[in-house]
Amino acid sequence: MDNLNDLKKIWLSADTSGLPDTATIMRAICKYRSQKLIKKAALILAAIFLTAVMISVVFLYKSVMISTRLGEACIIGAGLILVFTNIGSIGRLYNLKSLSNKEFIAYLEQVKINRAKYYRKTQVIGLSLVSLGLLLYIYEGVRLYLWLLLASYVFVLLYILVMWLVVRPRVYKRQAKKLDATIKEMKRLADQF
C-alpha cells in the first residue's frame, strides 16, 4: 500500500506548467480550420468567377475555328475541376468542429495523403486541360501573322513550363512542409497529455 502512496505523491508533484490546456489545442484546431476555410472559399469564388467569364466569352466571342471552341471547353473543364475538388475540401473542413486531438491528427494525416493524391492526379489533369485549352484558344487570334504566332506560342509554352516545373513543385513542397510541421506540433501537444 505504501507504493501506491509513493506513486500518488510522484504523480501529484509532477510539473505540469509546460502542458497546454485543452483551450490551447482547440484554438489551434479552430485557427487551422478558419484559415483553410477562408483560403478554400476565396479559391472557389475566384474559380467560379473565372469560369463564368470563360463561359460568357463562349457566348459573346464568335469564333470561326473549332480549335478555339475546344480551347474554351478545356479551360472551362479545368475551372470546374478546381471548383468541385475544393467544394469537397470545404465539406471536410466544415466537419472539424468537434474532433479530439487524436481525431484531428488523423484528419491531418488524411489531408496529407489527399494532398499527395491531388498533386499526382487531379492537379495534373486540371493543369493539362488548362494548358491544352490555352494553346488551342490563342491560335485563332495569332494565326495570321507568323511572328505573332511564334512569339505567342514561345511565351505561352515558357509560362506553362515554369508553372509545371518550378511553381507547382515548390508550392507542393512548401505546403507539405507546413502540414508536416502542423502534424508534428499537434502530436507533440497530444503526447504531453
N, C-alpha and C. Protein backbone atom coordinates (compact mmCIF):
# COMPACT_ATOMS: atom_id res chain seq x y z
N MET A 1 0.81 -1.18 0.00
CA MET A 1 0.00 0.00 0.00
C MET A 1 0.85 1.25 0.00
N ASP A 2 2.04 1.14 0.59
CA ASP A 2 2.95 2.27 0.66
C ASP A 2 3.40 2.69 -0.74
N ASN A 3 3.56 1.71 -1.64
CA ASN A 3 3.97 2.02 -3.02
C ASN A 3 2.92 2.87 -3.73
N LEU A 4 1.68 2.59 -3.44
CA LEU A 4 0.60 3.36 -4.06
C LEU A 4 0.64 4.81 -3.60
N ASN A 5 0.90 5.04 -2.32
CA ASN A 5 1.01 6.41 -1.81
C ASN A 5 2.22 7.12 -2.40
N ASP A 6 3.32 6.40 -2.56
CA ASP A 6 4.50 7.00 -3.17
C ASP A 6 4.23 7.37 -4.62
N LEU A 7 3.54 6.49 -5.31
CA LEU A 7 3.18 6.76 -6.71
C LEU A 7 2.26 7.96 -6.79
N LYS A 8 1.35 8.07 -5.86
CA LYS A 8 0.42 9.19 -5.84
C LYS A 8 1.17 10.50 -5.57
N LYS A 9 2.15 10.47 -4.68
CA LYS A 9 2.96 11.66 -4.40
C LYS A 9 3.75 12.10 -5.63
N ILE A 10 4.33 11.13 -6.30
CA ILE A 10 5.09 11.43 -7.53
C ILE A 10 4.16 12.02 -8.58
N TRP A 11 3.01 11.41 -8.73
CA TRP A 11 2.04 11.87 -9.73
C TRP A 11 1.59 13.30 -9.44
N LEU A 12 1.30 13.60 -8.21
CA LEU A 12 0.82 14.93 -7.83
C LEU A 12 1.93 15.98 -7.82
N SER A 13 3.18 15.54 -7.66
CA SER A 13 4.28 16.50 -7.63
C SER A 13 4.88 16.77 -9.01
N ALA A 14 4.40 16.10 -10.02
CA ALA A 14 4.93 16.30 -11.38
C ALA A 14 4.64 17.72 -11.84
N ASP A 15 5.62 18.31 -12.50
CA ASP A 15 5.48 19.68 -13.01
C ASP A 15 4.63 19.67 -14.27
N THR A 16 3.49 20.29 -14.21
CA THR A 16 2.58 20.35 -15.36
C THR A 16 2.46 21.75 -15.93
N SER A 17 3.37 22.62 -15.55
CA SER A 17 3.27 24.01 -16.00
C SER A 17 3.50 24.15 -17.51
N GLY A 18 4.25 23.24 -18.11
CA GLY A 18 4.53 23.34 -19.54
C GLY A 18 3.47 22.69 -20.42
N LEU A 19 2.51 22.03 -19.80
CA LEU A 19 1.49 21.34 -20.59
C LEU A 19 0.43 22.32 -21.07
N PRO A 20 0.03 22.21 -22.31
CA PRO A 20 -1.04 23.08 -22.80
C PRO A 20 -2.39 22.61 -22.28
N ASP A 21 -3.30 23.53 -22.13
CA ASP A 21 -4.64 23.14 -21.73
C ASP A 21 -5.46 22.83 -22.98
N THR A 22 -6.65 22.30 -22.78
CA THR A 22 -7.47 21.92 -23.93
C THR A 22 -7.88 23.14 -24.75
N ALA A 23 -7.99 24.29 -24.10
CA ALA A 23 -8.36 25.50 -24.83
C ALA A 23 -7.29 25.86 -25.86
N THR A 24 -6.02 25.62 -25.52
CA THR A 24 -4.92 25.91 -26.46
C THR A 24 -5.04 25.01 -27.69
N ILE A 25 -5.31 23.76 -27.45
CA ILE A 25 -5.42 22.83 -28.59
C ILE A 25 -6.66 23.17 -29.42
N MET A 26 -7.76 23.48 -28.76
CA MET A 26 -8.97 23.84 -29.50
C MET A 26 -8.75 25.12 -30.31
N ARG A 27 -8.00 26.07 -29.77
CA ARG A 27 -7.69 27.29 -30.53
C ARG A 27 -6.86 26.95 -31.76
N ALA A 28 -5.90 26.02 -31.60
CA ALA A 28 -5.08 25.62 -32.74
C ALA A 28 -5.93 24.97 -33.83
N ILE A 29 -6.87 24.12 -33.42
CA ILE A 29 -7.75 23.47 -34.38
C ILE A 29 -8.65 24.50 -35.07
N CYS A 30 -9.22 25.42 -34.29
CA CYS A 30 -10.10 26.45 -34.85
C CYS A 30 -9.34 27.38 -35.79
N LYS A 31 -8.11 27.72 -35.41
CA LYS A 31 -7.29 28.59 -36.25
C LYS A 31 -6.99 27.91 -37.59
N TYR A 32 -6.59 26.63 -37.53
CA TYR A 32 -6.31 25.88 -38.74
C TYR A 32 -7.55 25.82 -39.62
N ARG A 33 -8.69 25.49 -38.99
CA ARG A 33 -9.94 25.35 -39.72
C ARG A 33 -10.36 26.65 -40.39
N SER A 34 -10.31 27.77 -39.64
CA SER A 34 -10.76 29.03 -40.23
C SER A 34 -9.84 29.53 -41.32
N GLN A 35 -8.52 29.35 -41.15
CA GLN A 35 -7.59 29.76 -42.20
C GLN A 35 -7.86 28.97 -43.49
N LYS A 36 -8.01 27.69 -43.36
CA LYS A 36 -8.25 26.85 -44.54
C LYS A 36 -9.60 27.15 -45.17
N LEU A 37 -10.63 27.37 -44.35
CA LEU A 37 -11.95 27.68 -44.91
C LEU A 37 -11.91 28.98 -45.71
N ILE A 38 -11.23 30.00 -45.20
CA ILE A 38 -11.13 31.28 -45.91
C ILE A 38 -10.39 31.10 -47.22
N LYS A 39 -9.28 30.37 -47.20
CA LYS A 39 -8.50 30.16 -48.42
C LYS A 39 -9.29 29.37 -49.46
N LYS A 40 -9.95 28.31 -49.00
CA LYS A 40 -10.73 27.49 -49.93
C LYS A 40 -11.90 28.27 -50.51
N ALA A 41 -12.59 29.04 -49.67
CA ALA A 41 -13.73 29.83 -50.15
C ALA A 41 -13.27 30.87 -51.17
N ALA A 42 -12.14 31.53 -50.91
CA ALA A 42 -11.62 32.51 -51.86
C ALA A 42 -11.23 31.85 -53.18
N LEU A 43 -10.62 30.68 -53.09
CA LEU A 43 -10.23 29.95 -54.30
C LEU A 43 -11.46 29.53 -55.10
N ILE A 44 -12.49 29.05 -54.42
CA ILE A 44 -13.72 28.64 -55.11
C ILE A 44 -14.38 29.83 -55.78
N LEU A 45 -14.47 30.95 -55.08
CA LEU A 45 -15.08 32.15 -55.67
C LEU A 45 -14.31 32.64 -56.89
N ALA A 46 -12.98 32.64 -56.78
CA ALA A 46 -12.16 33.05 -57.93
C ALA A 46 -12.34 32.09 -59.11
N ALA A 47 -12.36 30.80 -58.83
CA ALA A 47 -12.55 29.81 -59.90
C ALA A 47 -13.93 29.93 -60.54
N ILE A 48 -14.95 30.15 -59.73
CA ILE A 48 -16.30 30.33 -60.27
C ILE A 48 -16.35 31.58 -61.14
N PHE A 49 -15.77 32.66 -60.66
CA PHE A 49 -15.77 33.91 -61.42
C PHE A 49 -15.04 33.73 -62.76
N LEU A 50 -13.85 33.14 -62.73
CA LEU A 50 -13.09 32.98 -63.96
C LEU A 50 -13.75 32.00 -64.93
N THR A 51 -14.37 30.96 -64.40
CA THR A 51 -15.10 30.02 -65.25
C THR A 51 -16.32 30.70 -65.87
N ALA A 52 -17.00 31.54 -65.10
CA ALA A 52 -18.15 32.29 -65.63
C ALA A 52 -17.70 33.26 -66.71
N VAL A 53 -16.55 33.88 -66.52
CA VAL A 53 -16.01 34.78 -67.56
C VAL A 53 -15.74 33.98 -68.83
N MET A 54 -15.16 32.79 -68.68
CA MET A 54 -14.87 31.97 -69.86
C MET A 54 -16.17 31.53 -70.54
N ILE A 55 -17.18 31.21 -69.76
CA ILE A 55 -18.47 30.82 -70.34
C ILE A 55 -19.09 32.00 -71.08
N SER A 56 -18.98 33.19 -70.52
CA SER A 56 -19.51 34.37 -71.22
C SER A 56 -18.73 34.65 -72.50
N VAL A 57 -17.43 34.35 -72.50
CA VAL A 57 -16.63 34.52 -73.72
C VAL A 57 -17.13 33.57 -74.80
N VAL A 58 -17.52 32.36 -74.39
CA VAL A 58 -18.04 31.39 -75.37
C VAL A 58 -19.25 31.97 -76.09
N PHE A 59 -20.13 32.65 -75.37
CA PHE A 59 -21.34 33.18 -75.99
C PHE A 59 -21.14 34.53 -76.67
N LEU A 60 -20.20 35.32 -76.18
CA LEU A 60 -20.01 36.66 -76.74
C LEU A 60 -19.02 36.69 -77.91
N TYR A 61 -17.98 35.89 -77.85
CA TYR A 61 -16.97 35.87 -78.89
C TYR A 61 -17.35 34.84 -79.95
N LYS A 62 -17.55 35.32 -81.14
CA LYS A 62 -17.96 34.43 -82.23
C LYS A 62 -16.73 33.92 -82.96
N SER A 63 -16.22 32.81 -82.48
CA SER A 63 -15.02 32.25 -83.10
C SER A 63 -15.37 31.50 -84.37
N VAL A 64 -14.38 31.41 -85.25
CA VAL A 64 -14.56 30.75 -86.53
C VAL A 64 -14.03 29.33 -86.48
N MET A 65 -12.96 29.14 -85.71
CA MET A 65 -12.26 27.85 -85.72
C MET A 65 -12.72 26.96 -84.57
N ILE A 66 -12.70 25.66 -84.84
CA ILE A 66 -13.07 24.68 -83.83
C ILE A 66 -12.02 24.61 -82.72
N SER A 67 -10.76 24.93 -83.04
CA SER A 67 -9.70 24.90 -82.02
C SER A 67 -9.99 25.88 -80.88
N THR A 68 -10.59 27.02 -81.23
CA THR A 68 -10.93 28.00 -80.20
C THR A 68 -12.00 27.44 -79.28
N ARG A 69 -13.01 26.79 -79.84
CA ARG A 69 -14.08 26.20 -79.04
C ARG A 69 -13.55 25.06 -78.16
N LEU A 70 -12.65 24.26 -78.71
CA LEU A 70 -12.04 23.19 -77.92
C LEU A 70 -11.21 23.76 -76.77
N GLY A 71 -10.48 24.84 -77.05
CA GLY A 71 -9.70 25.50 -76.01
C GLY A 71 -10.58 26.05 -74.91
N GLU A 72 -11.70 26.67 -75.30
CA GLU A 72 -12.64 27.19 -74.31
C GLU A 72 -13.20 26.06 -73.45
N ALA A 73 -13.55 24.94 -74.09
CA ALA A 73 -14.10 23.80 -73.35
C ALA A 73 -13.07 23.24 -72.36
N CYS A 74 -11.81 23.16 -72.78
CA CYS A 74 -10.76 22.66 -71.88
C CYS A 74 -10.57 23.58 -70.68
N ILE A 75 -10.58 24.88 -70.92
CA ILE A 75 -10.40 25.84 -69.83
C ILE A 75 -11.59 25.79 -68.86
N ILE A 76 -12.79 25.70 -69.40
CA ILE A 76 -13.98 25.59 -68.55
C ILE A 76 -13.94 24.29 -67.74
N GLY A 77 -13.53 23.20 -68.38
CA GLY A 77 -13.40 21.92 -67.68
C GLY A 77 -12.40 21.99 -66.53
N ALA A 78 -11.28 22.65 -66.76
CA ALA A 78 -10.27 22.80 -65.69
C ALA A 78 -10.83 23.65 -64.55
N GLY A 79 -11.58 24.69 -64.88
CA GLY A 79 -12.19 25.52 -63.84
C GLY A 79 -13.20 24.74 -63.01
N LEU A 80 -13.99 23.90 -63.68
CA LEU A 80 -14.96 23.08 -62.95
C LEU A 80 -14.29 22.04 -62.05
N ILE A 81 -13.19 21.47 -62.52
CA ILE A 81 -12.42 20.53 -61.68
C ILE A 81 -11.94 21.24 -60.42
N LEU A 82 -11.42 22.45 -60.58
CA LEU A 82 -10.93 23.22 -59.45
C LEU A 82 -12.05 23.53 -58.46
N VAL A 83 -13.20 23.92 -58.98
CA VAL A 83 -14.33 24.25 -58.11
C VAL A 83 -14.80 23.01 -57.34
N PHE A 84 -15.03 21.91 -58.02
CA PHE A 84 -15.60 20.73 -57.37
C PHE A 84 -14.64 20.07 -56.38
N THR A 85 -13.35 20.04 -56.69
CA THR A 85 -12.42 19.45 -55.73
C THR A 85 -12.32 20.29 -54.46
N ASN A 86 -12.41 21.60 -54.59
CA ASN A 86 -12.32 22.45 -53.41
C ASN A 86 -13.62 22.51 -52.63
N ILE A 87 -14.75 22.30 -53.29
CA ILE A 87 -16.02 22.21 -52.56
C ILE A 87 -15.99 20.98 -51.65
N GLY A 88 -15.42 19.88 -52.14
CA GLY A 88 -15.27 18.69 -51.30
C GLY A 88 -14.38 18.95 -50.10
N SER A 89 -13.33 19.73 -50.30
CA SER A 89 -12.43 20.08 -49.19
C SER A 89 -13.15 20.93 -48.15
N ILE A 90 -13.99 21.84 -48.60
CA ILE A 90 -14.72 22.69 -47.65
C ILE A 90 -15.66 21.84 -46.81
N GLY A 91 -16.28 20.86 -47.42
CA GLY A 91 -17.16 19.97 -46.66
C GLY A 91 -16.41 19.24 -45.55
N ARG A 92 -15.21 18.77 -45.86
CA ARG A 92 -14.41 18.09 -44.83
C ARG A 92 -13.94 19.07 -43.76
N LEU A 93 -13.57 20.26 -44.16
CA LEU A 93 -13.12 21.27 -43.18
C LEU A 93 -14.26 21.70 -42.27
N TYR A 94 -15.44 21.79 -42.81
CA TYR A 94 -16.58 22.24 -42.02
C TYR A 94 -16.89 21.26 -40.87
N ASN A 95 -16.58 19.99 -41.08
CA ASN A 95 -16.87 18.98 -40.06
C ASN A 95 -15.79 18.89 -38.98
N LEU A 96 -14.85 19.80 -38.95
CA LEU A 96 -13.78 19.78 -37.96
C LEU A 96 -14.17 20.37 -36.62
N LYS A 97 -15.40 20.70 -36.42
CA LYS A 97 -15.81 21.40 -35.20
C LYS A 97 -15.50 20.63 -33.93
N SER A 98 -15.83 19.38 -33.88
CA SER A 98 -15.73 18.65 -32.62
C SER A 98 -14.87 17.40 -32.78
N LEU A 99 -13.59 17.62 -32.92
CA LEU A 99 -12.67 16.48 -33.01
C LEU A 99 -11.78 16.45 -31.78
N SER A 100 -11.43 15.25 -31.37
CA SER A 100 -10.45 15.12 -30.29
C SER A 100 -9.06 15.32 -30.90
N ASN A 101 -8.05 15.33 -30.03
CA ASN A 101 -6.68 15.53 -30.51
C ASN A 101 -6.28 14.44 -31.50
N LYS A 102 -6.54 13.20 -31.13
CA LYS A 102 -6.16 12.08 -31.99
C LYS A 102 -6.94 12.11 -33.31
N GLU A 103 -8.20 12.46 -33.24
CA GLU A 103 -9.01 12.55 -34.47
C GLU A 103 -8.49 13.67 -35.37
N PHE A 104 -8.07 14.78 -34.78
CA PHE A 104 -7.54 15.89 -35.58
C PHE A 104 -6.21 15.50 -36.22
N ILE A 105 -5.37 14.80 -35.48
CA ILE A 105 -4.10 14.33 -36.05
C ILE A 105 -4.37 13.35 -37.19
N ALA A 106 -5.33 12.45 -36.99
CA ALA A 106 -5.70 11.51 -38.05
C ALA A 106 -6.24 12.27 -39.26
N TYR A 107 -7.03 13.32 -39.00
CA TYR A 107 -7.54 14.16 -40.09
C TYR A 107 -6.39 14.80 -40.86
N LEU A 108 -5.41 15.35 -40.14
CA LEU A 108 -4.27 16.00 -40.80
C LEU A 108 -3.46 15.00 -41.62
N GLU A 109 -3.30 13.78 -41.11
CA GLU A 109 -2.58 12.76 -41.87
C GLU A 109 -3.36 12.36 -43.12
N GLN A 110 -4.69 12.33 -43.03
CA GLN A 110 -5.51 12.05 -44.21
C GLN A 110 -5.41 13.20 -45.21
N VAL A 111 -5.34 14.44 -44.71
CA VAL A 111 -5.16 15.60 -45.59
C VAL A 111 -3.84 15.47 -46.35
N LYS A 112 -2.82 15.01 -45.66
CA LYS A 112 -1.50 14.83 -46.30
C LYS A 112 -1.59 13.81 -47.44
N ILE A 113 -2.29 12.71 -47.20
CA ILE A 113 -2.48 11.68 -48.23
C ILE A 113 -3.30 12.24 -49.39
N ASN A 114 -4.40 12.94 -49.07
CA ASN A 114 -5.25 13.51 -50.11
C ASN A 114 -4.50 14.54 -50.93
N ARG A 115 -3.67 15.35 -50.28
CA ARG A 115 -2.91 16.38 -50.98
C ARG A 115 -1.90 15.76 -51.95
N ALA A 116 -1.27 14.67 -51.53
CA ALA A 116 -0.33 13.97 -52.42
C ALA A 116 -1.06 13.38 -53.62
N LYS A 117 -2.25 12.81 -53.38
CA LYS A 117 -3.05 12.25 -54.47
C LYS A 117 -3.50 13.37 -55.43
N TYR A 118 -3.90 14.50 -54.86
CA TYR A 118 -4.32 15.65 -55.67
C TYR A 118 -3.15 16.14 -56.53
N TYR A 119 -1.97 16.21 -55.95
CA TYR A 119 -0.79 16.68 -56.67
C TYR A 119 -0.43 15.74 -57.82
N ARG A 120 -0.54 14.44 -57.59
CA ARG A 120 -0.15 13.47 -58.61
C ARG A 120 -1.20 13.26 -59.70
N LYS A 121 -2.49 13.40 -59.35
CA LYS A 121 -3.53 13.04 -60.31
C LYS A 121 -4.39 14.23 -60.72
N THR A 122 -5.17 14.75 -59.78
CA THR A 122 -6.17 15.76 -60.11
C THR A 122 -5.54 17.03 -60.64
N GLN A 123 -4.47 17.49 -59.99
CA GLN A 123 -3.83 18.71 -60.45
C GLN A 123 -3.20 18.52 -61.82
N VAL A 124 -2.68 17.35 -62.11
CA VAL A 124 -2.11 17.07 -63.43
C VAL A 124 -3.19 17.14 -64.49
N ILE A 125 -4.35 16.56 -64.20
CA ILE A 125 -5.46 16.61 -65.16
C ILE A 125 -5.90 18.05 -65.38
N GLY A 126 -6.10 18.80 -64.30
CA GLY A 126 -6.53 20.19 -64.41
C GLY A 126 -5.53 21.06 -65.15
N LEU A 127 -4.26 20.93 -64.80
CA LEU A 127 -3.22 21.73 -65.47
C LEU A 127 -3.07 21.32 -66.94
N SER A 128 -3.22 20.04 -67.22
CA SER A 128 -3.16 19.59 -68.62
C SER A 128 -4.30 20.20 -69.42
N LEU A 129 -5.49 20.18 -68.85
CA LEU A 129 -6.64 20.76 -69.54
C LEU A 129 -6.46 22.25 -69.79
N VAL A 130 -6.05 22.98 -68.77
CA VAL A 130 -5.91 24.42 -68.95
C VAL A 130 -4.74 24.75 -69.88
N SER A 131 -3.67 23.97 -69.84
CA SER A 131 -2.54 24.21 -70.75
C SER A 131 -2.94 23.95 -72.20
N LEU A 132 -3.59 22.82 -72.43
CA LEU A 132 -4.06 22.50 -73.79
C LEU A 132 -5.08 23.53 -74.25
N GLY A 133 -5.99 23.90 -73.34
CA GLY A 133 -7.00 24.90 -73.68
C GLY A 133 -6.39 26.23 -74.07
N LEU A 134 -5.39 26.67 -73.34
CA LEU A 134 -4.73 27.93 -73.65
C LEU A 134 -4.01 27.87 -74.99
N LEU A 135 -3.33 26.76 -75.25
CA LEU A 135 -2.64 26.61 -76.53
C LEU A 135 -3.61 26.60 -77.71
N LEU A 136 -4.74 25.93 -77.54
CA LEU A 136 -5.74 25.89 -78.61
C LEU A 136 -6.47 27.23 -78.76
N TYR A 137 -6.75 27.87 -77.64
CA TYR A 137 -7.54 29.10 -77.65
C TYR A 137 -6.83 30.25 -78.36
N ILE A 138 -5.54 30.38 -78.15
CA ILE A 138 -4.85 31.55 -78.73
C ILE A 138 -4.57 31.41 -80.21
N TYR A 139 -4.70 30.21 -80.77
CA TYR A 139 -4.31 30.00 -82.16
C TYR A 139 -5.09 30.89 -83.13
N GLU A 140 -6.39 30.98 -82.96
CA GLU A 140 -7.21 31.76 -83.89
C GLU A 140 -6.81 33.23 -83.91
N GLY A 141 -6.45 33.76 -82.78
CA GLY A 141 -6.10 35.18 -82.70
C GLY A 141 -4.75 35.52 -83.28
N VAL A 142 -3.83 34.56 -83.34
CA VAL A 142 -2.45 34.88 -83.77
C VAL A 142 -2.04 34.16 -85.05
N ARG A 143 -2.90 33.40 -85.66
CA ARG A 143 -2.52 32.55 -86.80
C ARG A 143 -2.17 33.32 -88.07
N LEU A 144 -2.65 34.53 -88.22
CA LEU A 144 -2.45 35.26 -89.47
C LEU A 144 -1.04 35.82 -89.63
N TYR A 145 -0.35 36.07 -88.53
CA TYR A 145 0.99 36.65 -88.58
C TYR A 145 1.97 35.66 -87.96
N LEU A 146 2.93 35.23 -88.75
CA LEU A 146 3.88 34.21 -88.31
C LEU A 146 4.67 34.67 -87.08
N TRP A 147 5.16 35.89 -87.10
CA TRP A 147 5.97 36.39 -85.98
C TRP A 147 5.14 36.46 -84.69
N LEU A 148 3.87 36.85 -84.81
CA LEU A 148 2.98 36.91 -83.65
C LEU A 148 2.65 35.50 -83.15
N LEU A 149 2.45 34.60 -84.09
CA LEU A 149 2.18 33.20 -83.75
C LEU A 149 3.35 32.61 -82.98
N LEU A 150 4.57 32.79 -83.51
CA LEU A 150 5.75 32.24 -82.85
C LEU A 150 5.99 32.88 -81.49
N ALA A 151 5.88 34.19 -81.42
CA ALA A 151 6.12 34.89 -80.16
C ALA A 151 5.08 34.47 -79.11
N SER A 152 3.84 34.37 -79.52
CA SER A 152 2.78 33.98 -78.58
C SER A 152 2.99 32.57 -78.05
N TYR A 153 3.30 31.65 -78.96
CA TYR A 153 3.47 30.26 -78.53
C TYR A 153 4.74 30.08 -77.70
N VAL A 154 5.80 30.80 -78.01
CA VAL A 154 7.02 30.73 -77.19
C VAL A 154 6.71 31.24 -75.78
N PHE A 155 6.04 32.38 -75.70
CA PHE A 155 5.70 32.94 -74.39
C PHE A 155 4.79 32.00 -73.60
N VAL A 156 3.74 31.47 -74.24
CA VAL A 156 2.79 30.60 -73.54
C VAL A 156 3.47 29.28 -73.13
N LEU A 157 4.30 28.74 -74.00
CA LEU A 157 4.99 27.49 -73.65
C LEU A 157 5.97 27.70 -72.50
N LEU A 158 6.67 28.82 -72.50
CA LEU A 158 7.56 29.14 -71.37
C LEU A 158 6.76 29.28 -70.08
N TYR A 159 5.65 29.96 -70.17
CA TYR A 159 4.79 30.14 -69.00
C TYR A 159 4.32 28.79 -68.47
N ILE A 160 3.86 27.92 -69.35
CA ILE A 160 3.38 26.60 -68.95
C ILE A 160 4.51 25.78 -68.33
N LEU A 161 5.69 25.82 -68.93
CA LEU A 161 6.83 25.08 -68.39
C LEU A 161 7.21 25.58 -66.99
N VAL A 162 7.21 26.88 -66.80
CA VAL A 162 7.53 27.44 -65.48
C VAL A 162 6.49 26.99 -64.46
N MET A 163 5.22 27.02 -64.84
CA MET A 163 4.17 26.58 -63.92
C MET A 163 4.32 25.10 -63.56
N TRP A 164 4.58 24.26 -64.56
CA TRP A 164 4.69 22.82 -64.32
C TRP A 164 5.96 22.44 -63.58
N LEU A 165 7.08 23.03 -63.97
CA LEU A 165 8.37 22.56 -63.48
C LEU A 165 8.94 23.35 -62.31
N VAL A 166 8.45 24.56 -62.08
CA VAL A 166 9.01 25.38 -61.00
C VAL A 166 7.95 25.67 -59.94
N VAL A 167 6.88 26.34 -60.33
CA VAL A 167 5.89 26.81 -59.37
C VAL A 167 5.16 25.65 -58.70
N ARG A 168 4.66 24.73 -59.48
CA ARG A 168 3.88 23.61 -58.95
C ARG A 168 4.66 22.79 -57.92
N PRO A 169 5.89 22.33 -58.22
CA PRO A 169 6.63 21.57 -57.20
C PRO A 169 6.98 22.39 -55.95
N ARG A 170 7.31 23.66 -56.13
CA ARG A 170 7.66 24.49 -54.97
C ARG A 170 6.47 24.71 -54.05
N VAL A 171 5.32 24.98 -54.64
CA VAL A 171 4.12 25.18 -53.83
C VAL A 171 3.78 23.90 -53.08
N TYR A 172 3.88 22.77 -53.75
CA TYR A 172 3.57 21.50 -53.10
C TYR A 172 4.54 21.23 -51.94
N LYS A 173 5.83 21.43 -52.17
CA LYS A 173 6.81 21.19 -51.11
C LYS A 173 6.60 22.13 -49.93
N ARG A 174 6.30 23.39 -50.21
CA ARG A 174 6.07 24.35 -49.13
C ARG A 174 4.83 23.97 -48.32
N GLN A 175 3.75 23.59 -49.00
CA GLN A 175 2.53 23.19 -48.30
C GLN A 175 2.75 21.90 -47.51
N ALA A 176 3.49 20.96 -48.09
CA ALA A 176 3.76 19.69 -47.39
C ALA A 176 4.61 19.94 -46.14
N LYS A 177 5.58 20.82 -46.26
CA LYS A 177 6.44 21.15 -45.11
C LYS A 177 5.63 21.80 -44.00
N LYS A 178 4.73 22.71 -44.37
CA LYS A 178 3.88 23.38 -43.39
C LYS A 178 2.92 22.38 -42.73
N LEU A 179 2.35 21.49 -43.51
CA LEU A 179 1.44 20.49 -42.96
C LEU A 179 2.19 19.53 -42.05
N ASP A 180 3.40 19.12 -42.44
CA ASP A 180 4.20 18.24 -41.58
C ASP A 180 4.51 18.92 -40.25
N ALA A 181 4.81 20.22 -40.29
CA ALA A 181 5.09 20.96 -39.06
C ALA A 181 3.85 21.01 -38.17
N THR A 182 2.68 21.20 -38.77
CA THR A 182 1.44 21.23 -38.00
C THR A 182 1.17 19.86 -37.37
N ILE A 183 1.36 18.80 -38.14
CA ILE A 183 1.15 17.44 -37.61
C ILE A 183 2.12 17.18 -36.47
N LYS A 184 3.38 17.56 -36.65
CA LYS A 184 4.39 17.34 -35.62
C LYS A 184 4.03 18.10 -34.34
N GLU A 185 3.59 19.34 -34.49
CA GLU A 185 3.21 20.15 -33.33
C GLU A 185 2.00 19.57 -32.61
N MET A 186 1.01 19.12 -33.38
CA MET A 186 -0.18 18.54 -32.75
C MET A 186 0.16 17.21 -32.06
N LYS A 187 1.05 16.42 -32.63
CA LYS A 187 1.47 15.18 -31.98
C LYS A 187 2.22 15.49 -30.70
N ARG A 188 3.05 16.51 -30.72
CA ARG A 188 3.80 16.91 -29.53
C ARG A 188 2.83 17.33 -28.43
N LEU A 189 1.83 18.12 -28.80
CA LEU A 189 0.84 18.56 -27.82
C LEU A 189 0.04 17.38 -27.28
N ALA A 190 -0.35 16.48 -28.16
CA ALA A 190 -1.14 15.32 -27.74
C ALA A 190 -0.33 14.38 -26.85
N ASP A 191 0.96 14.23 -27.15
CA ASP A 191 1.80 13.36 -26.35
C ASP A 191 2.05 13.90 -24.96
N GLN A 192 1.92 15.20 -24.77
CA GLN A 192 2.14 15.78 -23.45
C GLN A 192 1.02 15.46 -22.49
N PHE A 193 -0.13 15.12 -23.03
CA PHE A 193 -1.23 14.76 -22.13
C PHE A 193 -1.00 13.36 -21.66
